[in-house]
N, C-alpha and C. Protein backbone atom coordinates (compact mmCIF):
# COMPACT_ATOMS: atom_id res chain seq x y z
N MET A 1 0.82 -1.21 0.00
CA MET A 1 0.00 0.00 0.00
C MET A 1 0.86 1.26 0.00
N GLY A 2 2.11 1.17 0.48
CA GLY A 2 2.98 2.34 0.52
C GLY A 2 2.63 3.23 1.70
N LYS A 3 3.39 4.27 1.88
CA LYS A 3 3.13 5.20 2.96
C LYS A 3 1.83 5.97 2.69
N THR A 4 1.13 6.26 3.77
CA THR A 4 -0.16 6.92 3.63
C THR A 4 -0.03 8.29 2.99
N ALA A 5 0.97 9.07 3.42
CA ALA A 5 1.14 10.42 2.87
C ALA A 5 1.43 10.38 1.38
N GLU A 6 2.26 9.43 0.95
CA GLU A 6 2.57 9.31 -0.47
C GLU A 6 1.34 8.90 -1.26
N ALA A 7 0.57 7.99 -0.69
CA ALA A 7 -0.65 7.54 -1.37
C ALA A 7 -1.65 8.68 -1.48
N ILE A 8 -1.76 9.49 -0.43
CA ILE A 8 -2.68 10.63 -0.47
C ILE A 8 -2.24 11.63 -1.53
N ALA A 9 -0.93 11.91 -1.58
CA ALA A 9 -0.41 12.85 -2.58
C ALA A 9 -0.69 12.35 -3.99
N GLU A 10 -0.52 11.06 -4.20
CA GLU A 10 -0.79 10.49 -5.52
C GLU A 10 -2.27 10.55 -5.85
N GLY A 11 -3.12 10.29 -4.87
CA GLY A 11 -4.56 10.37 -5.09
C GLY A 11 -5.01 11.78 -5.42
N VAL A 12 -4.43 12.77 -4.74
CA VAL A 12 -4.76 14.16 -5.02
C VAL A 12 -4.31 14.54 -6.42
N SER A 13 -3.14 14.06 -6.82
CA SER A 13 -2.64 14.36 -8.16
C SER A 13 -3.57 13.78 -9.23
N ILE A 14 -4.01 12.55 -9.02
CA ILE A 14 -4.92 11.92 -9.99
C ILE A 14 -6.26 12.66 -10.02
N ALA A 15 -6.77 13.02 -8.85
CA ALA A 15 -8.04 13.74 -8.79
C ALA A 15 -7.93 15.12 -9.44
N SER A 16 -6.80 15.78 -9.24
CA SER A 16 -6.60 17.10 -9.85
C SER A 16 -6.58 16.99 -11.38
N ALA A 17 -5.95 15.94 -11.89
CA ALA A 17 -5.93 15.72 -13.33
C ALA A 17 -7.34 15.48 -13.86
N ALA A 18 -8.13 14.71 -13.11
CA ALA A 18 -9.52 14.47 -13.51
C ALA A 18 -10.32 15.77 -13.48
N ALA A 19 -10.06 16.62 -12.49
CA ALA A 19 -10.76 17.90 -12.41
C ALA A 19 -10.40 18.80 -13.59
N ARG A 20 -9.13 18.84 -13.94
CA ARG A 20 -8.72 19.66 -15.09
C ARG A 20 -9.37 19.18 -16.37
N LEU A 21 -9.47 17.87 -16.53
CA LEU A 21 -10.11 17.32 -17.73
C LEU A 21 -11.59 17.71 -17.78
N THR A 22 -12.27 17.63 -16.65
CA THR A 22 -13.69 17.99 -16.61
C THR A 22 -13.89 19.47 -16.90
N ILE A 23 -13.07 20.31 -16.30
CA ILE A 23 -13.20 21.76 -16.52
C ILE A 23 -12.82 22.12 -17.95
N ARG A 24 -11.79 21.46 -18.47
CA ARG A 24 -11.39 21.71 -19.86
C ARG A 24 -12.55 21.43 -20.81
N ASN A 25 -13.22 20.31 -20.60
CA ASN A 25 -14.35 19.97 -21.46
C ASN A 25 -15.47 21.01 -21.34
N ARG A 26 -15.71 21.50 -20.14
CA ARG A 26 -16.74 22.53 -19.96
C ARG A 26 -16.35 23.82 -20.68
N ILE A 27 -15.06 24.15 -20.63
CA ILE A 27 -14.59 25.36 -21.32
C ILE A 27 -14.76 25.21 -22.83
N LEU A 28 -14.42 24.05 -23.36
CA LEU A 28 -14.55 23.82 -24.79
C LEU A 28 -16.01 23.92 -25.23
N VAL A 29 -16.90 23.33 -24.46
CA VAL A 29 -18.32 23.37 -24.81
C VAL A 29 -18.85 24.79 -24.71
N GLY A 30 -18.48 25.49 -23.63
CA GLY A 30 -19.01 26.82 -23.42
C GLY A 30 -18.50 27.84 -24.42
N THR A 31 -17.21 27.82 -24.68
CA THR A 31 -16.62 28.86 -25.52
C THR A 31 -16.71 28.56 -27.01
N ILE A 32 -16.70 27.28 -27.39
CA ILE A 32 -16.71 26.93 -28.81
C ILE A 32 -18.11 26.52 -29.25
N ALA A 33 -18.67 25.55 -28.59
CA ALA A 33 -19.99 25.05 -29.00
C ALA A 33 -21.08 26.09 -28.76
N ASN A 34 -21.02 26.77 -27.61
CA ASN A 34 -22.07 27.73 -27.27
C ASN A 34 -21.64 29.17 -27.51
N ASP A 35 -20.43 29.38 -27.99
CA ASP A 35 -19.94 30.72 -28.35
C ASP A 35 -20.04 31.69 -27.18
N GLU A 36 -19.65 31.22 -25.99
CA GLU A 36 -19.67 32.07 -24.81
C GLU A 36 -18.29 32.65 -24.56
N PRO A 37 -18.19 33.88 -24.05
CA PRO A 37 -16.88 34.45 -23.74
C PRO A 37 -16.24 33.73 -22.56
N PHE A 38 -14.91 33.61 -22.60
CA PHE A 38 -14.22 32.93 -21.50
C PHE A 38 -13.94 33.93 -20.39
N ASP A 39 -14.24 33.51 -19.17
CA ASP A 39 -13.96 34.33 -17.99
C ASP A 39 -13.51 33.39 -16.88
N VAL A 40 -12.30 33.64 -16.38
CA VAL A 40 -11.77 32.76 -15.34
C VAL A 40 -12.70 32.71 -14.14
N ALA A 41 -13.17 33.88 -13.72
CA ALA A 41 -14.06 33.93 -12.56
C ALA A 41 -15.38 33.20 -12.82
N GLY A 42 -15.83 33.22 -14.07
CA GLY A 42 -17.09 32.57 -14.41
C GLY A 42 -17.03 31.06 -14.29
N PHE A 43 -15.85 30.50 -14.49
CA PHE A 43 -15.71 29.04 -14.37
C PHE A 43 -15.28 28.62 -12.97
N GLY A 44 -15.06 29.59 -12.09
CA GLY A 44 -14.65 29.27 -10.72
C GLY A 44 -15.65 28.40 -9.98
N PRO A 45 -16.95 28.75 -9.97
CA PRO A 45 -17.92 27.91 -9.26
C PRO A 45 -17.97 26.49 -9.77
N PHE A 46 -17.87 26.33 -11.10
CA PHE A 46 -17.89 24.97 -11.64
C PHE A 46 -16.65 24.19 -11.20
N ALA A 47 -15.49 24.86 -11.18
CA ALA A 47 -14.26 24.19 -10.73
C ALA A 47 -14.39 23.77 -9.28
N ARG A 48 -14.94 24.63 -8.48
CA ARG A 48 -15.13 24.30 -7.06
C ARG A 48 -16.08 23.12 -6.90
N GLU A 49 -17.17 23.13 -7.63
CA GLU A 49 -18.12 22.01 -7.57
C GLU A 49 -17.47 20.71 -8.02
N THR A 50 -16.60 20.81 -9.01
CA THR A 50 -15.91 19.61 -9.50
C THR A 50 -15.02 19.02 -8.41
N LEU A 51 -14.28 19.87 -7.72
CA LEU A 51 -13.42 19.39 -6.63
C LEU A 51 -14.24 18.78 -5.50
N ILE A 52 -15.35 19.42 -5.17
CA ILE A 52 -16.20 18.89 -4.09
C ILE A 52 -16.80 17.55 -4.50
N SER A 53 -17.20 17.43 -5.76
CA SER A 53 -17.76 16.17 -6.24
C SER A 53 -16.72 15.05 -6.15
N LEU A 54 -15.48 15.35 -6.51
CA LEU A 54 -14.43 14.35 -6.40
C LEU A 54 -14.15 14.00 -4.94
N ALA A 55 -14.24 15.00 -4.07
CA ALA A 55 -14.05 14.74 -2.64
C ALA A 55 -15.14 13.81 -2.11
N GLU A 56 -16.37 14.04 -2.57
CA GLU A 56 -17.47 13.18 -2.13
C GLU A 56 -17.28 11.74 -2.61
N GLU A 57 -16.72 11.58 -3.79
CA GLU A 57 -16.43 10.22 -4.28
C GLU A 57 -15.41 9.54 -3.37
N GLN A 58 -14.40 10.29 -2.95
CA GLN A 58 -13.39 9.73 -2.06
C GLN A 58 -14.00 9.39 -0.70
N GLU A 59 -14.89 10.22 -0.22
CA GLU A 59 -15.54 9.96 1.07
C GLU A 59 -16.42 8.72 0.98
N ALA A 60 -17.09 8.55 -0.13
CA ALA A 60 -17.91 7.35 -0.32
C ALA A 60 -17.03 6.10 -0.36
N ALA A 61 -15.86 6.21 -1.02
CA ALA A 61 -14.93 5.08 -1.07
C ALA A 61 -14.39 4.77 0.31
N ALA A 62 -14.15 5.81 1.12
CA ALA A 62 -13.66 5.61 2.49
C ALA A 62 -14.71 4.89 3.33
N GLU A 63 -15.96 5.29 3.17
CA GLU A 63 -17.03 4.64 3.92
C GLU A 63 -17.18 3.18 3.52
N LEU A 64 -17.02 2.90 2.22
CA LEU A 64 -17.09 1.52 1.75
C LEU A 64 -15.96 0.68 2.35
N ALA A 65 -14.75 1.24 2.35
CA ALA A 65 -13.61 0.52 2.93
C ALA A 65 -13.83 0.25 4.42
N LYS A 66 -14.45 1.19 5.10
CA LYS A 66 -14.75 1.01 6.52
C LYS A 66 -15.74 -0.13 6.73
N ARG A 67 -16.78 -0.18 5.90
CA ARG A 67 -17.76 -1.26 6.03
C ARG A 67 -17.11 -2.61 5.69
N GLN A 68 -16.28 -2.62 4.67
CA GLN A 68 -15.61 -3.87 4.30
C GLN A 68 -14.69 -4.36 5.40
N ARG A 69 -14.02 -3.42 6.08
CA ARG A 69 -13.12 -3.82 7.18
C ARG A 69 -13.91 -4.42 8.34
N LYS A 70 -15.05 -3.81 8.67
CA LYS A 70 -15.86 -4.35 9.76
C LYS A 70 -16.41 -5.72 9.40
N LYS A 71 -16.79 -5.88 8.13
CA LYS A 71 -17.34 -7.16 7.69
C LYS A 71 -16.28 -8.25 7.68
N ALA A 72 -15.03 -7.87 7.40
CA ALA A 72 -13.94 -8.85 7.31
C ALA A 72 -13.40 -9.23 8.68
N TRP A 73 -13.70 -8.44 9.69
CA TRP A 73 -13.13 -8.67 11.02
C TRP A 73 -13.57 -10.04 11.57
N GLY A 74 -12.59 -10.86 11.98
CA GLY A 74 -12.86 -12.15 12.58
C GLY A 74 -13.19 -13.26 11.60
N LYS A 75 -13.08 -13.01 10.30
CA LYS A 75 -13.36 -14.04 9.30
C LYS A 75 -12.02 -14.61 8.82
N PHE A 76 -11.85 -15.92 8.99
CA PHE A 76 -10.57 -16.55 8.67
C PHE A 76 -10.69 -17.62 7.58
N SER A 77 -11.87 -17.77 7.00
CA SER A 77 -12.06 -18.76 5.94
C SER A 77 -11.48 -18.24 4.63
N ASP A 78 -11.45 -19.11 3.63
CA ASP A 78 -10.95 -18.70 2.32
C ASP A 78 -11.96 -17.78 1.64
N PRO A 79 -11.50 -16.73 0.98
CA PRO A 79 -12.42 -15.80 0.30
C PRO A 79 -13.04 -16.44 -0.93
N ASP A 80 -14.22 -15.96 -1.30
CA ASP A 80 -14.92 -16.45 -2.48
C ASP A 80 -14.64 -15.61 -3.72
N GLY A 81 -14.04 -14.44 -3.54
CA GLY A 81 -13.76 -13.57 -4.68
C GLY A 81 -12.78 -12.48 -4.30
N THR A 82 -12.53 -11.60 -5.27
CA THR A 82 -11.53 -10.55 -5.07
C THR A 82 -11.90 -9.61 -3.93
N HIS A 83 -13.18 -9.26 -3.82
CA HIS A 83 -13.62 -8.30 -2.81
C HIS A 83 -14.27 -8.97 -1.60
N ASP A 84 -14.05 -10.24 -1.47
CA ASP A 84 -14.55 -10.97 -0.29
C ASP A 84 -13.41 -11.00 0.73
N TYR A 85 -13.33 -9.93 1.52
CA TYR A 85 -12.17 -9.74 2.38
C TYR A 85 -12.26 -10.59 3.64
N ARG A 86 -11.06 -10.86 4.21
CA ARG A 86 -10.95 -11.64 5.43
C ARG A 86 -10.17 -10.84 6.49
N ASP A 87 -10.03 -11.43 7.65
CA ASP A 87 -9.40 -10.73 8.77
C ASP A 87 -7.98 -10.25 8.41
N ARG A 88 -7.29 -11.01 7.59
CA ARG A 88 -5.93 -10.61 7.22
C ARG A 88 -5.92 -9.36 6.32
N ASP A 89 -7.05 -8.98 5.79
CA ASP A 89 -7.13 -7.80 4.92
C ASP A 89 -7.48 -6.52 5.68
N THR A 90 -7.80 -6.65 6.96
CA THR A 90 -8.28 -5.47 7.70
C THR A 90 -7.23 -4.38 7.80
N ARG A 91 -5.97 -4.74 7.88
CA ARG A 91 -4.91 -3.73 7.98
C ARG A 91 -4.86 -2.88 6.72
N ASN A 92 -4.87 -3.54 5.57
CA ASN A 92 -4.85 -2.79 4.31
C ASN A 92 -6.13 -1.97 4.13
N LEU A 93 -7.26 -2.51 4.55
CA LEU A 93 -8.51 -1.76 4.44
C LEU A 93 -8.49 -0.53 5.34
N ARG A 94 -7.85 -0.64 6.50
CA ARG A 94 -7.73 0.52 7.38
C ARG A 94 -6.86 1.60 6.73
N LYS A 95 -5.76 1.17 6.10
CA LYS A 95 -4.90 2.12 5.38
C LYS A 95 -5.65 2.78 4.23
N ARG A 96 -6.41 1.96 3.53
CA ARG A 96 -7.14 2.48 2.38
C ARG A 96 -8.17 3.52 2.84
N HIS A 97 -8.81 3.24 3.95
CA HIS A 97 -9.77 4.19 4.49
C HIS A 97 -9.09 5.51 4.82
N LYS A 98 -7.95 5.46 5.46
CA LYS A 98 -7.23 6.68 5.82
C LYS A 98 -6.81 7.46 4.57
N GLN A 99 -6.41 6.73 3.54
CA GLN A 99 -5.98 7.39 2.30
C GLN A 99 -7.15 8.10 1.62
N TYR A 100 -8.28 7.43 1.52
CA TYR A 100 -9.46 8.05 0.92
C TYR A 100 -9.87 9.30 1.69
N VAL A 101 -9.86 9.19 3.02
CA VAL A 101 -10.23 10.34 3.85
C VAL A 101 -9.24 11.48 3.64
N GLY A 102 -7.95 11.16 3.56
CA GLY A 102 -6.93 12.18 3.36
C GLY A 102 -7.07 12.88 2.02
N VAL A 103 -7.37 12.13 0.97
CA VAL A 103 -7.56 12.73 -0.35
C VAL A 103 -8.79 13.63 -0.35
N ALA A 104 -9.87 13.16 0.25
CA ALA A 104 -11.10 13.96 0.30
C ALA A 104 -10.87 15.25 1.07
N LYS A 105 -10.17 15.17 2.17
CA LYS A 105 -9.89 16.36 2.98
C LYS A 105 -9.08 17.38 2.19
N GLU A 106 -8.08 16.92 1.44
CA GLU A 106 -7.24 17.82 0.66
C GLU A 106 -8.03 18.44 -0.50
N LEU A 107 -8.89 17.68 -1.13
CA LEU A 107 -9.70 18.21 -2.22
C LEU A 107 -10.66 19.28 -1.72
N ARG A 108 -11.23 19.09 -0.54
CA ARG A 108 -12.12 20.11 0.02
C ARG A 108 -11.34 21.37 0.40
N ARG A 109 -10.11 21.18 0.88
CA ARG A 109 -9.27 22.35 1.17
C ARG A 109 -8.98 23.13 -0.10
N MET A 110 -8.68 22.41 -1.19
CA MET A 110 -8.43 23.05 -2.46
C MET A 110 -9.67 23.80 -2.95
N ALA A 111 -10.84 23.21 -2.79
CA ALA A 111 -12.08 23.83 -3.25
C ALA A 111 -12.36 25.12 -2.50
N ASP A 112 -11.88 25.23 -1.27
CA ASP A 112 -12.12 26.43 -0.46
C ASP A 112 -11.03 27.49 -0.64
N ASP A 113 -10.04 27.21 -1.46
CA ASP A 113 -8.94 28.15 -1.69
C ASP A 113 -9.14 28.82 -3.05
N PRO A 114 -9.50 30.10 -3.08
CA PRO A 114 -9.75 30.78 -4.37
C PRO A 114 -8.55 30.76 -5.30
N HIS A 115 -7.34 30.86 -4.74
CA HIS A 115 -6.15 30.84 -5.57
C HIS A 115 -5.99 29.49 -6.26
N VAL A 116 -6.22 28.41 -5.53
CA VAL A 116 -6.12 27.07 -6.11
C VAL A 116 -7.17 26.89 -7.20
N VAL A 117 -8.39 27.34 -6.93
CA VAL A 117 -9.47 27.21 -7.90
C VAL A 117 -9.14 27.98 -9.17
N ARG A 118 -8.64 29.21 -9.02
CA ARG A 118 -8.30 30.02 -10.18
C ARG A 118 -7.17 29.38 -10.99
N THR A 119 -6.17 28.86 -10.28
CA THR A 119 -5.06 28.19 -10.97
C THR A 119 -5.56 26.98 -11.74
N LEU A 120 -6.48 26.24 -11.14
CA LEU A 120 -7.03 25.06 -11.80
C LEU A 120 -7.78 25.45 -13.07
N VAL A 121 -8.54 26.54 -13.01
CA VAL A 121 -9.27 27.01 -14.20
C VAL A 121 -8.28 27.45 -15.28
N GLU A 122 -7.24 28.17 -14.90
CA GLU A 122 -6.25 28.63 -15.88
C GLU A 122 -5.53 27.45 -16.53
N GLN A 123 -5.19 26.44 -15.75
CA GLN A 123 -4.55 25.25 -16.32
C GLN A 123 -5.49 24.53 -17.28
N SER A 124 -6.76 24.48 -16.92
CA SER A 124 -7.76 23.84 -17.79
C SER A 124 -7.93 24.63 -19.08
N ARG A 125 -7.91 25.97 -18.96
CA ARG A 125 -8.00 26.82 -20.15
C ARG A 125 -6.82 26.57 -21.08
N ASP A 126 -5.62 26.48 -20.52
CA ASP A 126 -4.43 26.21 -21.34
C ASP A 126 -4.55 24.86 -22.04
N ALA A 127 -5.08 23.86 -21.32
CA ALA A 127 -5.26 22.54 -21.93
C ALA A 127 -6.28 22.59 -23.05
N ALA A 128 -7.36 23.37 -22.83
CA ALA A 128 -8.39 23.50 -23.87
C ALA A 128 -7.82 24.18 -25.10
N TRP A 129 -7.06 25.25 -24.90
CA TRP A 129 -6.46 25.94 -26.04
C TRP A 129 -5.45 25.04 -26.75
N GLY A 130 -4.74 24.21 -25.99
CA GLY A 130 -3.81 23.28 -26.62
C GLY A 130 -4.53 22.32 -27.56
N ASP A 131 -5.72 21.86 -27.16
CA ASP A 131 -6.51 20.99 -28.03
C ASP A 131 -6.96 21.72 -29.28
N VAL A 132 -7.44 22.96 -29.10
CA VAL A 132 -7.90 23.74 -30.25
C VAL A 132 -6.74 24.02 -31.20
N GLU A 133 -5.61 24.40 -30.64
CA GLU A 133 -4.44 24.71 -31.48
C GLU A 133 -3.98 23.49 -32.26
N ALA A 134 -3.96 22.33 -31.60
CA ALA A 134 -3.53 21.11 -32.28
C ALA A 134 -4.50 20.76 -33.42
N ASN A 135 -5.81 20.91 -33.18
CA ASN A 135 -6.79 20.62 -34.23
C ASN A 135 -6.64 21.58 -35.41
N LEU A 136 -6.41 22.86 -35.11
CA LEU A 136 -6.22 23.83 -36.18
C LEU A 136 -4.98 23.52 -37.00
N GLN A 137 -3.91 23.17 -36.34
CA GLN A 137 -2.68 22.85 -37.06
C GLN A 137 -2.86 21.63 -37.96
N ARG A 138 -3.56 20.61 -37.44
CA ARG A 138 -3.81 19.43 -38.28
C ARG A 138 -4.67 19.79 -39.48
N ARG A 139 -5.68 20.62 -39.27
CA ARG A 139 -6.55 21.00 -40.38
C ARG A 139 -5.81 21.84 -41.41
N LEU A 140 -4.97 22.76 -40.93
CA LEU A 140 -4.20 23.58 -41.86
C LEU A 140 -3.21 22.74 -42.66
N ARG A 141 -2.62 21.76 -42.01
CA ARG A 141 -1.69 20.89 -42.73
C ARG A 141 -2.40 20.13 -43.83
N VAL A 142 -3.62 19.67 -43.55
CA VAL A 142 -4.37 18.90 -44.55
C VAL A 142 -4.83 19.80 -45.69
N GLU A 143 -5.43 20.95 -45.35
CA GLU A 143 -6.00 21.82 -46.38
C GLU A 143 -4.92 22.56 -47.16
N GLY A 144 -3.80 22.84 -46.52
CA GLY A 144 -2.74 23.59 -47.20
C GLY A 144 -1.67 22.71 -47.81
N MET A 145 -1.85 21.41 -47.73
CA MET A 145 -0.82 20.50 -48.23
C MET A 145 -0.81 20.48 -49.75
N ARG A 146 0.38 20.60 -50.32
CA ARG A 146 0.58 20.46 -51.76
C ARG A 146 1.22 19.11 -52.03
N PRO A 147 0.98 18.53 -53.20
CA PRO A 147 1.50 17.19 -53.48
C PRO A 147 3.00 17.07 -53.24
N GLU A 148 3.76 18.09 -53.63
CA GLU A 148 5.20 17.97 -53.50
C GLU A 148 5.68 18.04 -52.05
N LEU A 149 4.77 18.50 -51.13
CA LEU A 149 5.14 18.60 -49.73
C LEU A 149 4.63 17.42 -48.90
N ASP A 150 3.80 16.60 -49.50
CA ASP A 150 3.23 15.47 -48.78
C ASP A 150 4.15 14.26 -48.96
N PRO A 151 4.79 13.79 -47.89
CA PRO A 151 5.71 12.65 -48.03
C PRO A 151 5.01 11.36 -48.42
N ASP A 152 3.69 11.28 -48.18
CA ASP A 152 2.95 10.06 -48.50
C ASP A 152 2.16 10.17 -49.80
N TYR A 153 2.39 11.25 -50.55
CA TYR A 153 1.56 11.47 -51.74
C TYR A 153 1.71 10.35 -52.75
N ASP A 154 2.95 10.01 -53.09
CA ASP A 154 3.17 8.97 -54.11
C ASP A 154 2.59 7.63 -53.68
N ARG A 155 2.79 7.28 -52.41
CA ARG A 155 2.30 5.99 -51.93
C ARG A 155 0.77 5.96 -51.91
N MET A 156 0.15 7.04 -51.47
CA MET A 156 -1.30 7.07 -51.38
C MET A 156 -1.95 7.32 -52.74
N ARG A 157 -1.21 7.90 -53.69
CA ARG A 157 -1.78 8.17 -55.01
C ARG A 157 -2.18 6.87 -55.70
N ALA A 158 -1.36 5.85 -55.56
CA ALA A 158 -1.68 4.56 -56.18
C ALA A 158 -2.97 4.00 -55.60
N ALA A 159 -3.15 4.14 -54.29
CA ALA A 159 -4.37 3.63 -53.67
C ALA A 159 -5.58 4.44 -54.12
N ARG A 160 -5.41 5.77 -54.22
CA ARG A 160 -6.53 6.60 -54.66
C ARG A 160 -6.92 6.28 -56.10
N MET A 161 -5.95 6.09 -56.97
CA MET A 161 -6.25 5.78 -58.36
C MET A 161 -6.92 4.42 -58.48
N GLN A 162 -6.49 3.46 -57.66
CA GLN A 162 -7.11 2.14 -57.69
C GLN A 162 -8.57 2.24 -57.22
N SER A 163 -8.81 3.09 -56.21
CA SER A 163 -10.19 3.27 -55.75
C SER A 163 -11.06 3.88 -56.83
N ILE A 164 -10.50 4.84 -57.58
CA ILE A 164 -11.26 5.44 -58.68
C ILE A 164 -11.58 4.40 -59.74
N ARG A 165 -10.58 3.57 -60.08
CA ARG A 165 -10.76 2.59 -61.15
C ARG A 165 -11.73 1.48 -60.74
N LEU A 166 -11.65 1.01 -59.49
CA LEU A 166 -12.44 -0.14 -59.07
C LEU A 166 -13.81 0.23 -58.49
N VAL A 167 -13.95 1.46 -58.01
CA VAL A 167 -15.19 1.83 -57.34
C VAL A 167 -15.91 2.96 -58.07
N ASP A 168 -15.23 4.08 -58.20
CA ASP A 168 -15.91 5.28 -58.72
C ASP A 168 -16.31 5.14 -60.18
N LEU A 169 -15.39 4.68 -61.03
CA LEU A 169 -15.70 4.59 -62.45
C LEU A 169 -16.77 3.54 -62.75
N PRO A 170 -16.72 2.34 -62.17
CA PRO A 170 -17.82 1.40 -62.40
C PRO A 170 -19.16 1.94 -61.91
N ARG A 171 -19.15 2.65 -60.79
CA ARG A 171 -20.40 3.23 -60.30
C ARG A 171 -20.91 4.28 -61.27
N LEU A 172 -20.01 5.07 -61.82
CA LEU A 172 -20.39 6.09 -62.79
C LEU A 172 -20.93 5.44 -64.06
N ALA A 173 -20.27 4.38 -64.51
CA ALA A 173 -20.72 3.69 -65.72
C ALA A 173 -22.10 3.09 -65.52
N SER A 174 -22.34 2.51 -64.32
CA SER A 174 -23.65 1.94 -64.04
C SER A 174 -24.71 3.01 -64.05
N HIS A 175 -24.37 4.15 -63.50
CA HIS A 175 -25.32 5.26 -63.49
C HIS A 175 -25.65 5.71 -64.92
N ARG A 176 -24.63 5.78 -65.78
CA ARG A 176 -24.86 6.21 -67.16
C ARG A 176 -25.67 5.17 -67.93
N ARG A 177 -25.43 3.88 -67.64
CA ARG A 177 -26.19 2.84 -68.34
C ARG A 177 -27.67 2.89 -67.95
N ARG A 178 -27.94 3.14 -66.68
CA ARG A 178 -29.33 3.26 -66.25
C ARG A 178 -30.00 4.44 -66.94
N GLY A 179 -29.24 5.54 -67.07
CA GLY A 179 -29.78 6.70 -67.76
C GLY A 179 -30.05 6.41 -69.22
N ALA A 180 -29.15 5.64 -69.86
CA ALA A 180 -29.33 5.30 -71.27
C ALA A 180 -30.53 4.38 -71.46
N ASP A 181 -30.73 3.42 -70.52
CA ASP A 181 -31.87 2.51 -70.61
C ASP A 181 -33.19 3.29 -70.47
N ASP A 182 -33.22 4.23 -69.54
CA ASP A 182 -34.42 5.04 -69.38
C ASP A 182 -34.69 5.87 -70.63
N HIS A 183 -33.63 6.37 -71.24
CA HIS A 183 -33.77 7.18 -72.45
C HIS A 183 -34.25 6.33 -73.61
N ALA A 184 -33.75 5.08 -73.70
CA ALA A 184 -34.16 4.20 -74.81
C ALA A 184 -35.62 3.80 -74.68
N GLY A 185 -36.15 3.76 -73.48
CA GLY A 185 -37.55 3.38 -73.30
C GLY A 185 -38.52 4.49 -73.55
N ASP A 186 -38.02 5.68 -73.90
CA ASP A 186 -38.90 6.82 -74.16
C ASP A 186 -39.38 6.77 -75.61
N PRO A 187 -40.67 6.57 -75.91
CA PRO A 187 -41.15 6.44 -77.29
C PRO A 187 -41.04 7.74 -78.07
N THR A 188 -40.89 8.85 -77.40
CA THR A 188 -40.80 10.13 -78.10
C THR A 188 -39.42 10.37 -78.68
N ASP A 189 -38.48 9.51 -78.35
CA ASP A 189 -37.11 9.71 -78.84
C ASP A 189 -36.52 8.36 -79.17
N ALA A 190 -37.06 7.72 -80.20
CA ALA A 190 -36.65 6.37 -80.55
C ALA A 190 -35.28 6.35 -81.18
N GLU A 191 -34.84 7.48 -81.81
CA GLU A 191 -33.54 7.49 -82.46
C GLU A 191 -32.66 8.51 -81.76
N PRO A 192 -31.84 8.06 -80.81
CA PRO A 192 -30.99 9.00 -80.08
C PRO A 192 -29.98 9.64 -80.98
N ASP A 193 -29.70 10.87 -80.68
CA ASP A 193 -28.71 11.62 -81.43
C ASP A 193 -27.34 10.98 -81.25
N VAL A 194 -26.64 10.77 -82.33
CA VAL A 194 -25.33 10.10 -82.29
C VAL A 194 -24.35 10.91 -81.48
N ALA A 195 -24.38 12.22 -81.66
CA ALA A 195 -23.44 13.07 -80.93
C ALA A 195 -23.69 12.99 -79.43
N VAL A 196 -24.99 12.96 -79.03
CA VAL A 196 -25.32 12.86 -77.61
C VAL A 196 -24.87 11.54 -77.06
N GLU A 197 -25.07 10.44 -77.86
CA GLU A 197 -24.65 9.12 -77.41
C GLU A 197 -23.14 9.08 -77.21
N ALA A 198 -22.42 9.68 -78.16
CA ALA A 198 -20.95 9.69 -78.04
C ALA A 198 -20.52 10.51 -76.83
N GLN A 199 -21.24 11.61 -76.61
CA GLN A 199 -20.89 12.43 -75.47
C GLN A 199 -21.22 11.71 -74.17
N GLY A 200 -22.28 10.87 -74.21
CA GLY A 200 -22.68 10.13 -73.02
C GLY A 200 -21.67 9.10 -72.61
N ARG A 201 -20.76 8.78 -73.52
CA ARG A 201 -19.72 7.81 -73.18
C ARG A 201 -18.56 8.43 -72.43
N ARG A 202 -18.65 9.73 -72.18
CA ARG A 202 -17.61 10.41 -71.41
C ARG A 202 -18.28 11.13 -70.24
N GLU A 203 -17.64 11.08 -69.14
CA GLU A 203 -18.15 11.74 -67.95
C GLU A 203 -16.99 12.35 -67.20
N SER A 204 -17.00 13.68 -67.03
CA SER A 204 -15.93 14.38 -66.33
C SER A 204 -14.58 14.10 -66.96
N GLY A 205 -14.57 14.03 -68.28
CA GLY A 205 -13.31 13.81 -69.00
C GLY A 205 -12.84 12.38 -69.02
N VAL A 206 -13.65 11.44 -68.51
CA VAL A 206 -13.27 10.04 -68.46
C VAL A 206 -13.95 9.29 -69.57
N ASP A 207 -13.21 8.53 -70.35
CA ASP A 207 -13.76 7.74 -71.44
C ASP A 207 -14.30 6.44 -70.85
N LEU A 208 -15.63 6.34 -70.77
CA LEU A 208 -16.24 5.18 -70.14
C LEU A 208 -16.11 3.91 -70.97
N SER A 209 -15.76 4.05 -72.24
CA SER A 209 -15.58 2.86 -73.07
C SER A 209 -14.41 2.02 -72.58
N GLU A 210 -13.49 2.65 -71.87
CA GLU A 210 -12.35 1.90 -71.34
C GLU A 210 -12.79 0.87 -70.31
N LEU A 211 -13.95 1.11 -69.71
CA LEU A 211 -14.43 0.18 -68.67
C LEU A 211 -14.97 -1.10 -69.28
N ASP A 212 -15.28 -1.09 -70.58
CA ASP A 212 -15.85 -2.28 -71.21
C ASP A 212 -14.79 -3.32 -71.51
N SER A 213 -13.53 -2.94 -71.49
CA SER A 213 -12.47 -3.88 -71.82
C SER A 213 -12.10 -4.75 -70.62
């Protein structure tokens, strides 16, 4: 289980990371999806509520560990499962209870410290902007990419051309054949114009007669 203080510090670190993730997501939704202006003070209450919610989770886990320890007391038979604790587990369950309580206490202290809350919001904002910046950079690279600058252009070009030949062109030819069949069934135009028929064999500069071979 390790030392209690180290375990509490690690638990607080994990909970803080979870809080930043939650606040970051709220910032992204509020400022981008809902087009709301960003204000550090405006996100303060939500950050505080997030810390308190995480503290309550730790308190619930501490209470569970306490009940499990009492239930395991004096039981020396073989366990039936992973969470079927016995008397030999009571020491670890007591440590676990203390760790959960310690993490919850620290999270509540953080929630009551305006400086900590503000710092947490600012860190979450930086994380949110990092996501936006990364997405913009990826989009700019894709939209602004020229063939000579794309290291995978030659390799992917063969795959794209094969997709055109095996999928797009046959689909286009099938579409043109259906159009020709509908046109042939029209009694008002029994003799199609030769020039139109010849033109119908090309679509977007592609000679569809090549597909017949």
